[in-house]
Amino acid sequence: MLRAVAVAVVTIFFLIFAVDNHDPVSIGLFPLPYTFEIPKFLLALVCFAGGVVVGGFTVSLKLTRTRRLFKHEHKRVVALQNELKGVKEQQPRSLTVAGG
């Protein structure tokens, strides 16, 4: 229910933004002799989408590195746990504390 309300609010925001910013903007590709016109809202939404894609790619790179580090550290923890287990098994079991 909360998600549907959030989607509705964002959709209404984008519709109001699009209606208010429908004026054309001329975009020129400097080295090339081409220019084209698009509405302001479309330019803004394309820039926003590009930022989301770049941000998502950056986060995925960071997560990949973090996962790799986690796997490495997990293997190290398992090895240390196995080593500790071996040391505990080698200790003599007949150690008793005499109470007086």
Foldseek 3Di string as FASTA:
>chain_A
DVVVVVVVVVVVVLVVVCVVFQDWDWDDDVVDGDIDIGTPSVVVVVVVVVVVVVVVVVVVVVVVVVVVVVVVVVVVVVVVVVVVVVVVVPDDPPDDDDDD
